[in-house]
Amino acid sequence: MSKPNHLQDLDTFKFRLKELANLFTMFPPALLCLLILNETWLAVDRYLLASCLGAVIHMPFAVGFHFASFLIPETPHFIWEKLDLTVVHAASVFNAYGLSRSDWFASLNLVVNSLFVIQSWMTLDPSWKRSRPRNYSIAVFLQSFPLLLYGLHGHFLWMLLWGSLGGLVYAAQFFGIWSHAVFHLTLTGWQFHLLQAALKIASPLA
């Protein structure tokens, strides 16, 4: 039995409101990066720039996906969603380069993340989403692994904590329809510790 029109309208309104929240909560990590880069006392090198580019390039694609969902709620928007996923993995490579200052380590991350991206685009049915949490977890661990070798255990644990918290909130839907937006907000904490670590690293990964 289909829902009455007024209930369908209410569901559509709530969905659009949720997508607006998802859209606007994607801005803080990128804004944090832009604020860091704008600091006059800071000597910005290509490694810090790489650590910032990840969040900055991801933001417009995530916003595009949620804006498309806001405009046309009835459509799954798989293309936008896969583009969003693709840039998440591209951001992982930038972050790996920024945190390792190493071409070979960034190249390793590029190979692994490229395989994840290819896997998502080659799968035509919705089952492609099942591998997403595993792939994201591997990508996050790989890009932050250099912090252990540099002895920046505190930042590594904070990034792990923020990442786990965000993933748990999203998976368990602790905040109902707002869980996705809360997950986005946890990315700001994750990005903050990533940038703090990047500022402390002065030599390439051996």
C-alpha atoms as a PDB file:
ATOM      1  CA  MET A   1       0.000   0.000   0.000  1.00  0.00           C
ATOM      2  CA  SER A   2       1.396   3.386  -0.985  1.00  0.00           C
ATOM      3  CA  LYS A   3       1.604   6.226   1.495  1.00  0.00           C
ATOM      4  CA  PRO A   4      -0.887   9.099   1.408  1.00  0.00           C
ATOM      5  CA  ASN A   5       0.345  12.120  -0.562  1.00  0.00           C
ATOM      6  CA  HIS A   6       0.922  14.293   2.489  1.00  0.00           C
ATOM      7  CA  LEU A   7       3.124  11.602   4.079  1.00  0.00           C
ATOM      8  CA  GLN A   8       5.054  11.187   0.839  1.00  0.00           C
ATOM      9  CA  ASP A   9       5.571  14.962   0.761  1.00  0.00           C
ATOM     10  CA  LEU A  10       6.761  14.866   4.380  1.00  0.00           C
ATOM     11  CA  ASP A  11       9.256  12.083   3.630  1.00  0.00           C
ATOM     12  CA  THR A  12      10.554  14.000   0.603  1.00  0.00           C
ATOM     13  CA  PHE A  13      10.907  17.173   2.690  1.00  0.00           C
ATOM     14  CA  LYS A  14      12.855  15.318   5.413  1.00  0.00           C
ATOM     15  CA  PHE A  15      15.065  13.663   2.808  1.00  0.00           C
ATOM     16  CA  ARG A  16      15.866  17.011   1.212  1.00  0.00           C
ATOM     17  CA  LEU A  17      16.556  18.552   4.606  1.00  0.00           C
ATOM     18  CA  LYS A  18      18.913  15.652   5.382  1.00  0.00           C
ATOM     19  CA  GLU A  19      20.729  16.157   2.068  1.00  0.00           C
ATOM     20  CA  LEU A  20      21.151  19.863   2.794  1.00  0.00           C
ATOM     21  CA  ALA A  21      22.739  18.944   6.128  1.00  0.00           C
ATOM     22  CA  ASN A  22      24.980  16.430   4.348  1.00  0.00           C
ATOM     23  CA  LEU A  23      25.946  19.100   1.831  1.00  0.00           C
ATOM     24  CA  PHE A  24      26.866  21.880   4.245  1.00  0.00           C
ATOM     25  CA  THR A  25      28.758  19.618   6.673  1.00  0.00           C
ATOM     26  CA  MET A  26      31.240  18.845   3.876  1.00  0.00           C
ATOM     27  CA  PHE A  27      32.644  22.386   4.019  1.00  0.00           C
ATOM     28  CA  PRO A  28      34.453  22.459   7.435  1.00  0.00           C
ATOM     29  CA  PRO A  29      37.407  20.124   6.574  1.00  0.00           C
ATOM     30  CA  ALA A  30      38.150  22.067   3.368  1.00  0.00           C
ATOM     31  CA  LEU A  31      37.762  25.418   5.146  1.00  0.00           C
ATOM     32  CA  LEU A  32      40.164  24.235   7.857  1.00  0.00           C
ATOM     33  CA  CYS A  33      42.739  23.476   5.148  1.00  0.00           C
ATOM     34  CA  LEU A  34      42.267  26.874   3.497  1.00  0.00           C
ATOM     35  CA  LEU A  35      42.700  28.625   6.854  1.00  0.00           C
ATOM     36  CA  ILE A  36      45.951  26.738   7.467  1.00  0.00           C
ATOM     37  CA  LEU A  37      47.291  27.605   4.018  1.00  0.00           C
ATOM     38  CA  ASN A  38      46.419  31.264   4.590  1.00  0.00           C
ATOM     39  CA  GLU A  39      48.590  31.560   7.714  1.00  0.00           C
ATOM     40  CA  THR A  40      51.318  34.113   6.936  1.00  0.00           C
ATOM     41  CA  TRP A  41      53.852  32.548   9.339  1.00  0.00           C
ATOM     42  CA  LEU A  42      53.642  29.190   7.632  1.00  0.00           C
ATOM     43  CA  ALA A  43      56.031  28.122   4.879  1.00  0.00           C
ATOM     44  CA  VAL A  44      53.766  26.088   2.606  1.00  0.00           C
ATOM     45  CA  ASP A  45      55.633  23.332   0.771  1.00  0.00           C
ATOM     46  CA  ARG A  46      54.239  20.741  -1.631  1.00  0.00           C
ATOM     47  CA  TYR A  47      53.769  18.197   1.168  1.00  0.00           C
ATOM     48  CA  LEU A  48      51.531  20.429   3.261  1.00  0.00           C
ATOM     49  CA  LEU A  49      49.730  21.448   0.085  1.00  0.00           C
ATOM     50  CA  ALA A  50      49.133  17.775  -0.731  1.00  0.00           C
ATOM     51  CA  SER A  51      47.750  17.198   2.778  1.00  0.00           C
ATOM     52  CA  CYS A  52      45.270  20.021   2.175  1.00  0.00           C
ATOM     53  CA  LEU A  53      44.384  19.176  -1.405  1.00  0.00           C
ATOM     54  CA  GLY A  54      42.743  15.920  -0.370  1.00  0.00           C
ATOM     55  CA  ALA A  55      39.939  17.629   1.528  1.00  0.00           C
ATOM     56  CA  VAL A  56      39.686  20.533  -0.909  1.00  0.00           C
ATOM     57  CA  ILE A  57      39.235  18.390  -4.031  1.00  0.00           C
ATOM     58  CA  HIS A  58      36.845  16.010  -2.276  1.00  0.00           C
ATOM     59  CA  MET A  59      34.485  18.756  -1.138  1.00  0.00           C
ATOM     60  CA  PRO A  60      32.975  19.808  -4.521  1.00  0.00           C
ATOM     61  CA  PHE A  61      32.279  16.202  -5.552  1.00  0.00           C
ATOM     62  CA  ALA A  62      30.642  15.341  -2.231  1.00  0.00           C
ATOM     63  CA  VAL A  63      28.633  18.561  -2.417  1.00  0.00           C
ATOM     64  CA  GLY A  64      27.658  17.709  -6.007  1.00  0.00           C
ATOM     65  CA  PHE A  65      26.380  14.281  -4.977  1.00  0.00           C
ATOM     66  CA  HIS A  66      24.313  15.615  -2.081  1.00  0.00           C
ATOM     67  CA  PHE A  67      23.025  18.550  -4.114  1.00  0.00           C
ATOM     68  CA  ALA A  68      21.892  16.181  -6.874  1.00  0.00           C
ATOM     69  CA  SER A  69      20.149  14.068  -4.223  1.00  0.00           C
ATOM     70  CA  PHE A  70      18.536  17.234  -2.832  1.00  0.00           C
ATOM     71  CA  LEU A  71      17.280  18.344  -6.246  1.00  0.00           C
ATOM     72  CA  ILE A  72      16.023  14.950  -7.445  1.00  0.00           C
ATOM     73  CA  PRO A  73      15.339  12.704  -4.420  1.00  0.00           C
ATOM     74  CA  GLU A  74      13.753   9.924  -6.495  1.00  0.00           C
ATOM     75  CA  THR A  75      16.999   9.093  -8.348  1.00  0.00           C
ATOM     76  CA  PRO A  76      19.902   7.091  -6.805  1.00  0.00           C
ATOM     77  CA  HIS A  77      22.583   9.262  -8.560  1.00  0.00           C
ATOM     78  CA  PHE A  78      25.083   6.397  -8.792  1.00  0.00           C
ATOM     79  CA  ILE A  79      27.386   8.356 -11.121  1.00  0.00           C
ATOM     80  CA  TRP A  80      27.737  11.235  -8.662  1.00  0.00           C
ATOM     81  CA  GLU A  81      28.153   8.749  -5.802  1.00  0.00           C
ATOM     82  CA  LYS A  82      30.929   6.891  -7.628  1.00  0.00           C
ATOM     83  CA  LEU A  83      32.632  10.176  -8.502  1.00  0.00           C
ATOM     84  CA  ASP A  84      32.519  11.060  -4.812  1.00  0.00           C
ATOM     85  CA  LEU A  85      34.077   7.690  -3.951  1.00  0.00           C
ATOM     86  CA  THR A  86      36.731   8.146  -6.640  1.00  0.00           C
ATOM     87  CA  VAL A  87      37.846  11.476  -5.200  1.00  0.00           C
ATOM     88  CA  VAL A  88      37.911  10.043  -1.672  1.00  0.00           C
ATOM     89  CA  HIS A  89      40.542   7.586  -2.890  1.00  0.00           C
ATOM     90  CA  ALA A  90      42.375  10.324  -4.807  1.00  0.00           C
ATOM     91  CA  ALA A  91      42.455  12.345  -1.574  1.00  0.00           C
ATOM     92  CA  SER A  92      43.974   9.322   0.185  1.00  0.00           C
ATOM     93  CA  VAL A  93      46.910   9.420  -2.236  1.00  0.00           C
ATOM     94  CA  PHE A  94      47.460  13.150  -1.638  1.00  0.00           C
ATOM     95  CA  ASN A  95      47.350  12.584   2.119  1.00  0.00           C
ATOM     96  CA  ALA A  96      49.789   9.679   1.866  1.00  0.00           C
ATOM     97  CA  TYR A  97      52.233  11.884  -0.041  1.00  0.00           C
ATOM     98  CA  GLY A  98      51.866  14.736   2.444  1.00  0.00           C
ATOM     99  CA  LEU A  99      52.384  12.521   5.489  1.00  0.00           C
ATOM    100  CA  SER A 100      55.251  10.459   4.073  1.00  0.00           C
ATOM    101  CA  ARG A 101      57.054  13.016   1.846  1.00  0.00           C
ATOM    102  CA  SER A 102      57.841   9.938  -0.233  1.00  0.00           C
ATOM    103  CA  ASP A 103      57.256   9.276  -3.933  1.00  0.00           C
ATOM    104  CA  TRP A 104      57.394   5.499  -3.517  1.00  0.00           C
ATOM    105  CA  PHE A 105      54.915   5.452  -0.634  1.00  0.00           C
ATOM    106  CA  ALA A 106      52.527   7.744  -2.523  1.00  0.00           C
ATOM    107  CA  SER A 107      52.874   5.452  -5.560  1.00  0.00           C
ATOM    108  CA  LEU A 108      51.990   2.416  -3.444  1.00  0.00           C
ATOM    109  CA  ASN A 109      48.884   4.222  -2.231  1.00  0.00           C
ATOM    110  CA  LEU A 110      48.054   5.211  -5.797  1.00  0.00           C
ATOM    111  CA  VAL A 111      48.104   1.562  -6.924  1.00  0.00           C
ATOM    112  CA  VAL A 112      45.955   0.333  -4.019  1.00  0.00           C
ATOM    113  CA  ASN A 113      43.412   3.152  -4.265  1.00  0.00           C
ATOM    114  CA  SER A 114      43.231   2.836  -8.055  1.00  0.00           C
ATOM    115  CA  LEU A 115      42.251  -0.823  -7.668  1.00  0.00           C
ATOM    116  CA  PHE A 116      39.445   0.199  -5.312  1.00  0.00           C
ATOM    117  CA  VAL A 117      38.215   2.841  -7.766  1.00  0.00           C
ATOM    118  CA  ILE A 118      38.304   0.441 -10.719  1.00  0.00           C
ATOM    119  CA  GLN A 119      36.406  -2.137  -8.672  1.00  0.00           C
ATOM    120  CA  SER A 120      33.624   0.341  -7.900  1.00  0.00           C
ATOM    121  CA  TRP A 121      33.203   1.477 -11.529  1.00  0.00           C
ATOM    122  CA  MET A 122      33.248  -2.053 -12.954  1.00  0.00           C
ATOM    123  CA  THR A 123      30.418  -3.226 -10.678  1.00  0.00           C
ATOM    124  CA  LEU A 124      27.086  -2.282 -12.227  1.00  0.00           C
ATOM    125  CA  ASP A 125      24.669  -3.440  -9.522  1.00  0.00           C
ATOM    126  CA  PRO A 126      24.278  -1.798  -6.072  1.00  0.00           C
ATOM    127  CA  SER A 127      26.409  -4.533  -4.445  1.00  0.00           C
ATOM    128  CA  TRP A 128      29.474  -2.367  -5.174  1.00  0.00           C
ATOM    129  CA  LYS A 129      28.686  -0.503  -1.955  1.00  0.00           C
ATOM    130  CA  ARG A 130      29.382  -3.566   0.204  1.00  0.00           C
ATOM    131  CA  SER A 131      33.126  -3.296  -0.297  1.00  0.00           C
ATOM    132  CA  ARG A 132      33.209   0.428   0.430  1.00  0.00           C
ATOM    133  CA  PRO A 133      33.759   0.274   4.243  1.00  0.00           C
ATOM    134  CA  ARG A 134      36.602  -2.222   3.826  1.00  0.00           C
ATOM    135  CA  ASN A 135      38.248  -0.197   1.052  1.00  0.00           C
ATOM    136  CA  TYR A 136      37.915   3.061   2.965  1.00  0.00           C
ATOM    137  CA  SER A 137      39.418   1.461   6.089  1.00  0.00           C
ATOM    138  CA  ILE A 138      42.438   0.160   4.153  1.00  0.00           C
ATOM    139  CA  ALA A 139      42.919   3.550   2.475  1.00  0.00           C
ATOM    140  CA  VAL A 140      42.725   5.410   5.801  1.00  0.00           C
ATOM    141  CA  PHE A 141      45.192   3.065   7.496  1.00  0.00           C
ATOM    142  CA  LEU A 142      47.662   3.196   4.613  1.00  0.00           C
ATOM    143  CA  GLN A 143      47.749   6.981   4.371  1.00  0.00           C
ATOM    144  CA  SER A 144      48.168   7.454   8.134  1.00  0.00           C
ATOM    145  CA  PHE A 145      50.675   4.593   8.636  1.00  0.00           C
ATOM    146  CA  PRO A 146      53.745   6.875   8.265  1.00  0.00           C
ATOM    147  CA  LEU A 147      52.774   8.593  11.527  1.00  0.00           C
ATOM    148  CA  LEU A 148      53.681   5.406  13.396  1.00  0.00           C
ATOM    149  CA  LEU A 149      57.116   5.349  11.785  1.00  0.00           C
ATOM    150  CA  TYR A 150      57.680   9.023  12.625  1.00  0.00           C
ATOM    151  CA  GLY A 151      56.673   8.413  16.239  1.00  0.00           C
ATOM    152  CA  LEU A 152      53.585  10.618  15.993  1.00  0.00           C
ATOM    153  CA  HIS A 153      51.487   8.063  17.840  1.00  0.00           C
ATOM    154  CA  GLY A 154      49.166  10.621  19.410  1.00  0.00           C
ATOM    155  CA  HIS A 155      48.054  12.045  16.065  1.00  0.00           C
ATOM    156  CA  PHE A 156      47.741   8.530  14.637  1.00  0.00           C
ATOM    157  CA  LEU A 157      45.472   7.473  17.509  1.00  0.00           C
ATOM    158  CA  TRP A 158      43.384  10.635  17.238  1.00  0.00           C
ATOM    159  CA  MET A 159      42.927  10.083  13.505  1.00  0.00           C
ATOM    160  CA  LEU A 160      42.006   6.456  14.208  1.00  0.00           C
ATOM    161  CA  LEU A 161      39.550   7.588  16.883  1.00  0.00           C
ATOM    162  CA  TRP A 162      37.860  10.196  14.677  1.00  0.00           C
ATOM    163  CA  GLY A 163      37.719   7.770  11.751  1.00  0.00           C
ATOM    164  CA  SER A 164      36.277   4.966  13.882  1.00  0.00           C
ATOM    165  CA  LEU A 165      33.779   7.309  15.523  1.00  0.00           C
ATOM    166  CA  GLY A 166      32.576   8.604  12.162  1.00  0.00           C
ATOM    167  CA  GLY A 167      32.320   5.118  10.704  1.00  0.00           C
ATOM    168  CA  LEU A 168      30.411   3.860  13.744  1.00  0.00           C
ATOM    169  CA  VAL A 169      27.969   6.772  13.709  1.00  0.00           C
ATOM    170  CA  TYR A 170      27.344   6.234   9.992  1.00  0.00           C
ATOM    171  CA  ALA A 171      27.015   2.437  10.165  1.00  0.00           C
ATOM    172  CA  ALA A 172      24.849   2.306  13.302  1.00  0.00           C
ATOM    173  CA  GLN A 173      22.778   5.378  12.371  1.00  0.00           C
ATOM    174  CA  PHE A 174      23.035   6.696  15.935  1.00  0.00           C
ATOM    175  CA  PHE A 175      21.514  10.045  14.957  1.00  0.00           C
ATOM    176  CA  GLY A 176      18.870   8.731  12.574  1.00  0.00           C
ATOM    177  CA  ILE A 177      18.660  10.649   9.322  1.00  0.00           C
ATOM    178  CA  TRP A 178      21.327  13.073  10.589  1.00  0.00           C
ATOM    179  CA  SER A 179      23.974  10.365  11.019  1.00  0.00           C
ATOM    180  CA  HIS A 180      25.567  11.050   7.630  1.00  0.00           C
ATOM    181  CA  ALA A 181      25.941  14.749   8.473  1.00  0.00           C
ATOM    182  CA  VAL A 182      27.444  13.938  11.899  1.00  0.00           C
ATOM    183  CA  PHE A 183      29.870  11.578  10.161  1.00  0.00           C
ATOM    184  CA  HIS A 184      30.930  14.484   7.915  1.00  0.00           C
ATOM    185  CA  LEU A 185      31.596  16.622  11.002  1.00  0.00           C
ATOM    186  CA  THR A 186      33.936  13.977  12.437  1.00  0.00           C
ATOM    187  CA  LEU A 187      36.055  14.418   9.295  1.00  0.00           C
ATOM    188  CA  THR A 188      37.007  17.865  10.589  1.00  0.00           C
ATOM    189  CA  GLY A 189      38.627  16.346  13.682  1.00  0.00           C
ATOM    190  CA  TRP A 190      40.366  13.788  11.501  1.00  0.00           C
ATOM    191  CA  GLN A 191      41.624  16.499   9.127  1.00  0.00           C
ATOM    192  CA  PHE A 192      42.841  18.652  12.023  1.00  0.00           C
ATOM    193  CA  HIS A 193      45.159  15.928  13.324  1.00  0.00           C
ATOM    194  CA  LEU A 194      46.294  15.057   9.813  1.00  0.00           C
ATOM    195  CA  LEU A 195      47.400  18.676   9.283  1.00  0.00           C
ATOM    196  CA  GLN A 196      49.006  18.914  12.733  1.00  0.00           C
ATOM    197  CA  ALA A 197      51.020  15.800  11.932  1.00  0.00           C
ATOM    198  CA  ALA A 198      51.974  17.072   8.473  1.00  0.00           C
ATOM    199  CA  LEU A 199      53.374  20.256  10.053  1.00  0.00           C
ATOM    200  CA  LYS A 200      55.650  18.197  12.346  1.00  0.00           C
ATOM    201  CA  ILE A 201      57.145  15.968   9.657  1.00  0.00           C
ATOM    202  CA  ALA A 202      60.418  17.284   8.254  1.00  0.00           C
ATOM    203  CA  SER A 203      62.042  14.361   6.429  1.00  0.00           C
ATOM    204  CA  PRO A 204      60.973  11.774   3.827  1.00  0.00           C
ATOM    205  CA  LEU A 205      59.909   8.307   4.884  1.00  0.00           C
ATOM    206  CA  ALA A 206      62.953   6.035   4.803  1.00  0.00           C
END
